[in-house]
Protein backbone atom coordinates (compact mmCIF):
# COMPACT_ATOMS: atom_id res chain seq x y z
CA MET A 1 0.00 0.00 0.00
CA ILE A 2 1.06 3.57 -0.46
CA LYS A 3 3.13 4.91 2.41
CA ARG A 4 0.91 6.65 4.90
CA ARG A 5 3.31 9.52 5.41
CA LEU A 6 2.66 10.73 1.87
CA PHE A 7 -1.00 11.27 2.58
CA SER A 8 -0.66 13.96 5.17
CA ALA A 9 -3.57 16.12 6.09
CA GLY A 10 -1.64 19.01 4.66
CA LEU A 11 -2.00 17.72 1.11
CA LEU A 12 -5.73 17.26 1.13
CA ALA A 13 -6.58 20.15 3.39
CA ALA A 14 -3.90 22.61 2.30
CA PRO A 15 -5.52 26.02 2.31
CA PHE A 16 -5.52 27.92 -0.91
CA ALA A 17 -4.18 31.44 -0.68
CA GLN A 18 -7.05 33.87 -0.35
CA SER A 19 -6.97 37.10 -2.26
CA VAL A 20 -6.85 40.28 -0.25
CA PHE A 21 -9.01 41.74 -2.97
CA SER A 22 -12.65 40.90 -3.27
CA GLY A 23 -15.81 41.94 -4.99
CA PRO A 24 -16.84 42.14 -8.63
CA ALA A 25 -15.98 45.82 -8.89
CA PHE A 26 -12.34 45.19 -8.08
CA ALA A 27 -12.14 42.18 -10.40
CA GLN A 28 -13.50 44.23 -13.26
CA ASN A 29 -11.10 47.10 -12.60
CA ALA A 30 -8.15 44.72 -12.25
CA GLN A 31 -8.92 43.05 -15.56
CA SER A 32 -8.99 46.38 -17.31
CA ALA A 33 -5.82 47.60 -15.56
CA TRP A 34 -3.33 44.74 -15.96
CA GLN A 35 -1.70 44.24 -19.34
CA PRO A 36 1.04 41.72 -20.17
CA SER A 37 4.29 43.48 -21.04
CA GLY A 38 5.31 40.85 -23.59
CA PRO A 39 4.47 37.39 -24.95
CA ILE A 40 2.99 34.98 -22.41
CA LYS A 41 4.53 31.53 -22.14
CA MET A 42 2.04 28.70 -21.57
CA VAL A 43 3.97 25.60 -20.51
CA VAL A 44 2.62 22.14 -21.34
CA ALA A 45 4.51 19.44 -19.45
CA TYR A 46 4.00 16.87 -22.22
CA PRO A 47 5.18 16.38 -25.81
CA ALA A 48 3.64 18.32 -28.66
CA GLY A 49 0.69 16.69 -30.38
CA GLY A 50 -0.91 15.13 -27.31
CA PRO A 51 -4.41 16.08 -26.10
CA THR A 52 -3.19 18.44 -23.36
CA ASP A 53 -0.98 20.21 -25.89
CA VAL A 54 -3.71 20.52 -28.52
CA ILE A 55 -6.25 22.00 -26.09
CA ALA A 56 -3.65 24.42 -24.73
CA ARG A 57 -2.92 25.65 -28.25
CA ILE A 58 -6.61 26.20 -29.03
CA VAL A 59 -7.08 28.37 -25.95
CA ALA A 60 -3.71 30.12 -26.33
CA ALA A 61 -4.58 31.20 -29.86
CA ASP A 62 -7.99 32.46 -28.77
CA ILE A 63 -6.81 34.59 -25.83
CA SER A 64 -3.83 36.14 -27.62
CA GLY A 65 -6.00 38.78 -29.27
CA PRO A 66 -7.86 39.98 -26.17
CA LEU A 67 -4.63 40.09 -24.15
CA GLY A 68 -2.82 42.05 -26.83
CA GLN A 69 0.16 39.69 -26.71
CA GLN A 70 0.95 36.35 -28.28
CA VAL A 71 0.45 33.37 -25.97
CA VAL A 72 3.15 30.84 -26.89
CA VAL A 73 2.83 27.18 -25.93
CA GLU A 74 6.13 25.63 -24.83
CA ASN A 75 6.43 21.85 -24.38
CA VAL A 76 8.67 20.84 -21.47
CA SER A 77 8.08 17.12 -21.03
CA GLY A 78 9.55 14.44 -18.82
CA GLY A 79 9.45 13.31 -15.22
CA ALA A 80 5.75 12.38 -15.33
CA GLY A 81 4.98 16.01 -16.11
CA ALA A 82 7.02 17.21 -13.13
CA ILE A 83 9.85 18.88 -15.07
CA GLY A 84 7.73 21.43 -16.90
CA THR A 85 5.43 21.96 -13.93
CA ARG A 86 8.36 22.54 -11.59
CA ALA A 87 9.75 25.13 -14.02
CA VAL A 88 6.49 27.10 -13.84
CA ALA A 89 6.39 26.86 -10.03
CA LYS A 90 9.84 28.51 -9.95
CA ALA A 91 9.16 31.01 -12.76
CA LYS A 92 8.98 34.74 -12.14
CA PRO A 93 5.40 35.35 -10.91
CA ASP A 94 4.60 38.27 -13.18
CA GLY A 95 1.74 36.85 -15.23
CA GLN A 96 4.01 36.12 -18.18
CA THR A 97 4.32 32.38 -17.42
CA ILE A 98 1.36 30.04 -16.94
CA THR A 99 0.70 26.34 -17.47
CA PHE A 100 -2.03 24.00 -18.65
CA GLY A 101 -1.86 21.05 -16.27
CA ASN A 102 -3.98 18.12 -15.19
CA ASN A 103 -4.66 15.69 -12.36
CA GLN A 104 -1.18 14.22 -12.79
CA THR A 105 0.85 17.42 -12.74
CA HIS A 106 -1.32 19.20 -10.16
CA GLY A 107 -2.50 16.29 -8.07
CA ASN A 108 -1.12 12.78 -8.42
CA ASN A 109 2.55 13.76 -8.56
CA MET A 110 2.22 14.91 -4.97
CA PHE A 111 1.74 11.35 -3.76
CA MET A 112 3.13 9.30 -6.64
CA LEU A 113 6.57 10.92 -6.88
CA LYS A 114 8.90 10.98 -3.91
CA GLU A 115 10.42 14.30 -4.95
CA PRO A 116 8.24 16.19 -7.45
CA GLY A 117 10.10 19.41 -6.67
CA TYR A 118 6.96 21.50 -6.12
CA ASP A 119 3.72 21.59 -4.17
CA ALA A 120 0.77 21.30 -6.53
CA VAL A 121 -1.47 23.30 -4.19
CA LYS A 122 0.76 25.83 -2.43
CA ASP A 123 2.94 26.74 -5.42
CA PHE A 124 0.13 27.49 -7.88
CA ALA A 125 -2.89 29.74 -8.27
CA PRO A 126 -5.68 28.21 -10.40
CA LEU A 127 -6.86 30.32 -13.31
CA ALA A 128 -9.62 28.12 -14.69
CA GLY A 129 -10.71 24.51 -14.69
CA ALA A 130 -11.23 23.35 -18.28
CA GLY A 131 -13.07 20.04 -17.91
CA ALA A 132 -12.28 16.35 -18.11
CA PHE A 133 -10.86 13.61 -20.31
CA GLU A 134 -12.80 10.35 -20.42
CA HIS A 135 -10.73 7.17 -20.57
CA VAL A 136 -11.12 4.49 -23.21
CA PHE A 137 -9.57 1.02 -23.36
CA VAL A 138 -7.83 0.53 -26.70
CA VAL A 139 -5.87 -2.46 -27.99
CA ARG A 140 -3.54 -3.18 -30.89
CA ASN A 141 -5.46 -4.48 -33.87
CA ASP A 142 -4.02 -7.99 -33.79
CA LEU A 143 -4.66 -8.60 -30.09
CA PRO A 144 -7.24 -11.44 -30.04
CA VAL A 145 -9.87 -9.67 -27.93
CA LYS A 146 -13.08 -7.95 -28.99
CA ASN A 147 -14.43 -6.80 -25.62
CA ILE A 148 -13.35 -6.23 -22.04
CA GLN A 149 -14.30 -9.70 -20.80
CA GLU A 150 -12.14 -11.31 -23.49
CA LEU A 151 -9.27 -9.05 -22.40
CA ILE A 152 -9.73 -10.14 -18.79
CA ALA A 153 -9.77 -13.80 -19.83
CA LEU A 154 -6.59 -13.40 -21.89
CA ALA A 155 -4.81 -11.55 -19.08
CA LYS A 156 -5.77 -14.25 -16.58
CA ALA A 157 -4.48 -16.95 -18.92
CA ARG A 158 -1.20 -15.04 -19.37
CA PRO A 159 -0.59 -13.20 -16.09
CA GLY A 160 1.92 -10.38 -16.45
CA GLU A 161 2.59 -11.08 -20.13
CA LEU A 162 0.32 -8.41 -21.58
CA ASN A 163 1.75 -4.89 -21.37
CA TYR A 164 -0.13 -1.64 -21.11
CA GLY A 165 1.05 1.83 -22.01
CA SER A 166 0.65 4.82 -19.70
CA THR A 167 1.60 8.47 -20.02
CA GLY A 168 3.88 8.19 -17.01
CA ILE A 169 3.97 7.18 -13.38
CA GLY A 170 0.99 8.68 -11.59
CA SER A 171 -0.87 9.63 -14.76
CA GLY A 172 -4.58 8.97 -15.11
CA SER A 173 -3.83 6.20 -17.60
CA HIS A 174 -1.53 4.56 -15.04
CA LEU A 175 -3.73 4.78 -11.95
CA SER A 176 -6.98 3.97 -13.74
CA THR A 177 -5.45 0.85 -15.29
CA GLU A 178 -4.09 -0.27 -11.93
CA LEU A 179 -7.56 0.25 -10.47
CA PHE A 180 -9.04 -1.82 -13.31
CA MET A 181 -6.59 -4.64 -12.60
CA ALA A 182 -7.38 -4.52 -8.89
CA ARG A 183 -11.11 -4.74 -9.61
CA THR A 184 -10.78 -7.63 -12.09
CA GLY A 185 -7.97 -9.61 -10.48
CA ILE A 186 -5.65 -9.49 -13.49
CA LYS A 187 -2.00 -8.50 -13.84
CA MET A 188 -0.45 -6.63 -16.76
CA THR A 189 2.93 -4.92 -17.04
CA GLN A 190 3.15 -1.13 -17.28
CA VAL A 191 5.20 0.57 -20.00
CA PRO A 192 5.39 4.28 -19.07
CA TYR A 193 5.85 6.95 -21.76
CA ARG A 194 6.67 10.65 -21.63
CA GLY A 195 3.30 11.51 -23.13
CA ALA A 196 0.49 10.35 -25.39
CA PRO A 197 2.09 10.66 -28.87
CA PRO A 198 4.86 8.05 -28.37
CA LEU A 199 2.44 5.75 -26.56
CA VAL A 200 -0.08 5.89 -29.40
CA GLN A 201 2.68 5.36 -31.96
CA ASP A 202 3.77 2.16 -30.24
CA LEU A 203 0.19 0.95 -29.85
CA VAL A 204 -0.49 1.45 -33.54
CA GLY A 205 2.80 -0.28 -34.31
CA GLY A 206 1.86 -3.27 -32.16
CA ARG A 207 4.73 -2.80 -29.69
CA ILE A 208 2.37 -2.60 -26.71
CA ASP A 209 -0.89 -4.47 -26.22
CA ILE A 210 -3.33 -2.10 -24.55
CA SER A 211 -3.82 1.31 -23.03
CA ASN A 212 -6.51 2.93 -20.92
CA SER A 213 -5.93 6.27 -22.61
CA THR A 214 -7.69 9.60 -22.54
CA LEU A 215 -10.16 9.69 -25.40
CA PRO A 216 -8.65 12.72 -27.20
CA SER A 217 -5.26 11.02 -27.41
CA VAL A 218 -6.59 8.02 -29.36
CA LEU A 219 -9.84 9.13 -31.00
CA ALA A 220 -8.31 9.77 -34.44
CA GLN A 221 -6.62 6.37 -34.49
CA ILE A 222 -9.82 4.62 -33.39
CA LYS A 223 -11.78 6.27 -36.17
CA ALA A 224 -9.03 5.49 -38.67
CA GLY A 225 -9.13 1.82 -37.67
CA THR A 226 -5.46 1.58 -36.67
CA ILE A 227 -6.37 0.55 -33.11
CA ARG A 228 -9.57 -0.83 -31.56
CA ALA A 229 -11.64 0.56 -28.69
CA ILE A 230 -13.23 -2.07 -26.45
CA ALA A 231 -14.63 -0.09 -23.49
CA ILE A 232 -15.32 3.42 -22.17
CA GLY A 233 -14.44 4.01 -18.52
CA SER A 234 -17.34 6.34 -17.74
CA ALA A 235 -20.94 6.16 -16.58
CA LYS A 236 -22.37 6.39 -20.10
CA ARG A 237 -21.26 5.93 -23.69
CA ASN A 238 -19.48 8.78 -25.40
CA PRO A 239 -21.24 10.36 -28.40
CA GLN A 240 -17.95 10.30 -30.32
CA LEU A 241 -17.94 6.47 -30.01
CA PRO A 242 -21.59 5.45 -29.62
CA ASP A 243 -20.92 1.79 -30.44
CA VAL A 244 -18.29 1.31 -27.71
CA PRO A 245 -19.89 -0.01 -24.49
CA THR A 246 -18.93 1.14 -21.02
CA LEU A 247 -17.08 -0.99 -18.48
CA GLU A 248 -20.25 -1.34 -16.43
CA GLU A 249 -22.21 -2.55 -19.45
CA GLN A 250 -19.58 -5.29 -19.73
CA GLY A 251 -19.77 -6.34 -16.08
CA VAL A 252 -16.87 -4.35 -14.57
CA THR A 253 -17.89 -2.03 -11.73
CA GLY A 254 -15.93 0.41 -9.58
CA ALA A 255 -13.25 1.04 -12.21
CA ASN A 256 -14.43 4.25 -13.87
CA ALA A 257 -12.03 7.20 -13.86
CA SER A 258 -11.60 10.46 -15.73
CA SER A 259 -8.74 12.95 -15.86
CA TRP A 260 -9.26 16.69 -15.38
CA ALA A 261 -7.30 19.60 -16.83
CA ALA A 262 -6.86 23.23 -15.73
CA PHE A 263 -4.84 26.40 -16.17
CA PHE A 264 -2.50 27.64 -13.43
CA ALA A 265 -0.06 30.45 -12.68
CA PRO A 266 2.70 30.64 -10.06
CA ALA A 267 1.14 31.26 -6.64
CA ALA A 268 2.79 34.65 -6.07
CA THR A 269 1.47 36.15 -9.31
CA PRO A 270 -0.19 39.52 -8.53
CA GLN A 271 -3.94 39.34 -8.18
CA PRO A 272 -4.68 41.81 -11.02
CA ALA A 273 -2.76 39.54 -13.42
CA LEU A 274 -4.54 36.45 -12.09
CA ASP A 275 -7.91 38.12 -12.51
CA ARG A 276 -7.20 39.21 -16.08
CA LEU A 277 -5.76 35.86 -17.18
CA SER A 278 -8.55 33.93 -15.49
CA GLY A 279 -11.20 36.15 -17.04
CA GLU A 280 -9.88 35.76 -20.57
CA ILE A 281 -9.47 31.99 -20.26
CA MET A 282 -12.97 31.60 -18.82
CA LYS A 283 -14.40 33.67 -21.69
CA SER A 284 -12.54 31.49 -24.19
CA LEU A 285 -13.81 28.23 -22.68
CA LYS A 286 -17.38 29.48 -23.06
CA LYS A 287 -17.13 30.48 -26.73
CA PRO A 288 -19.13 28.08 -28.94
CA GLU A 289 -16.40 27.96 -31.59
CA VAL A 290 -13.73 27.06 -29.01
CA VAL A 291 -15.94 24.49 -27.30
CA GLU A 292 -16.72 22.91 -30.67
CA LYS A 293 -13.04 22.48 -31.49
CA ILE A 294 -12.29 20.91 -28.13
CA ASP A 295 -15.41 18.72 -28.09
CA LYS A 296 -14.33 17.14 -31.37
CA LEU A 297 -11.23 15.87 -29.57
CA GLY A 298 -13.37 13.93 -27.10
CA PHE A 299 -12.73 16.30 -24.18
CA THR A 300 -15.69 17.40 -22.06
CA VAL A 301 -15.49 21.18 -21.56
CA GLU A 302 -16.74 22.29 -18.14
CA PRO A 303 -15.27 25.68 -17.20
CA ARG A 304 -14.72 26.43 -13.51
CA ASP A 305 -13.51 29.77 -12.21
CA PRO A 306 -10.86 29.79 -9.44
CA ALA A 307 -13.44 29.88 -6.63
CA GLN A 308 -15.21 26.83 -8.09
CA PHE A 309 -12.04 25.01 -9.03
CA LYS A 310 -10.31 25.15 -5.64
CA PRO A 311 -12.70 22.77 -3.84
CA TYR A 312 -12.99 20.66 -6.98
CA GLN A 313 -9.21 20.16 -7.06
CA GLU A 314 -9.21 19.16 -3.38
CA ARG A 315 -11.95 16.60 -3.99
CA GLU A 316 -10.18 15.23 -7.04
CA ILE A 317 -6.89 14.83 -5.18
CA ALA A 318 -8.74 12.86 -2.52
CA THR A 319 -10.41 10.72 -5.20
CA TRP A 320 -7.12 9.84 -6.90
CA VAL A 321 -5.46 9.17 -3.55
CA LYS A 322 -8.19 6.59 -2.92
CA ILE A 323 -7.77 5.11 -6.40
CA ALA A 324 -4.04 4.67 -5.74
CA LYS A 325 -4.70 3.16 -2.32
CA ASP A 326 -7.35 0.78 -3.66
CA ALA A 327 -4.94 -0.37 -6.37
CA GLY A 328 -2.13 -0.84 -3.83
CA ILE A 329 0.28 1.42 -5.73
CA GLU A 330 3.54 2.44 -4.08
CA PRO A 331 4.99 5.89 -4.86
CA GLY A 332 7.85 6.10 -7.31
CA GLU A 333 7.00 2.88 -9.13
């Protein structure tokens, strides 16, 4: 089981810094007053081309005009998303550096990595919650399984021989697959990657057997027929893949999981900059044309402002802590 010392009350109950400014009048004035002095760097802690990267670029392009400065996406991958995230935590808190993270970078790394090099709660100020990635079980085309029960049967017949790809230690694809194995009594071997693009490339090439990936990272390949989807890990079927049944429809309960994503700035960023950046990102995430682009990727857009996102993040950290505990995962695996 995960070491108890990693699940201190401080992680789950860490207070978020409260603004000394309050009230809609101030927020409106702050948004009109603060202007970026140059291009804004939006760090994505994963390789280019993955779902987190694509969504970041859609929003970055949309908010560049209103902010009057180009918002440039910079990919700094590695370390289960910790390298790029740590760089933002230590960046100058002037509003010129932000990041688009997720439940791995701003949640799971706190209890899955022994030394992430940052505190996902104390070192960051949330700008906006973006929504969630559903997970889908996909297999290489020549794997002899057509549904989740056939996968379970094959894994039980060949314990530990099947390998599954994840986007790194502590990622949603890692923890959700471990939870699935715990619920079904099977054992597969993890192959961690630095992000979705190399994982998908190896799955298409038949070098790994299966992945419980976020839907946006594999949707194009599913539709192209280069890999096969056998189950959705959510409460209902996804409209992008209406013919793919859920885990529960196939007799597997208690194994659903989704991965969230959100925008953050360094914690010490001045409140006027936070207000302006948050306001522009929230506006973007509510534009029909932006939502349409993101929806097509298989990502569920559900904007949350900082006040809404703070308790949501705390609940999600607690949820993923429980998933890791239930799966018996040790940190640093």
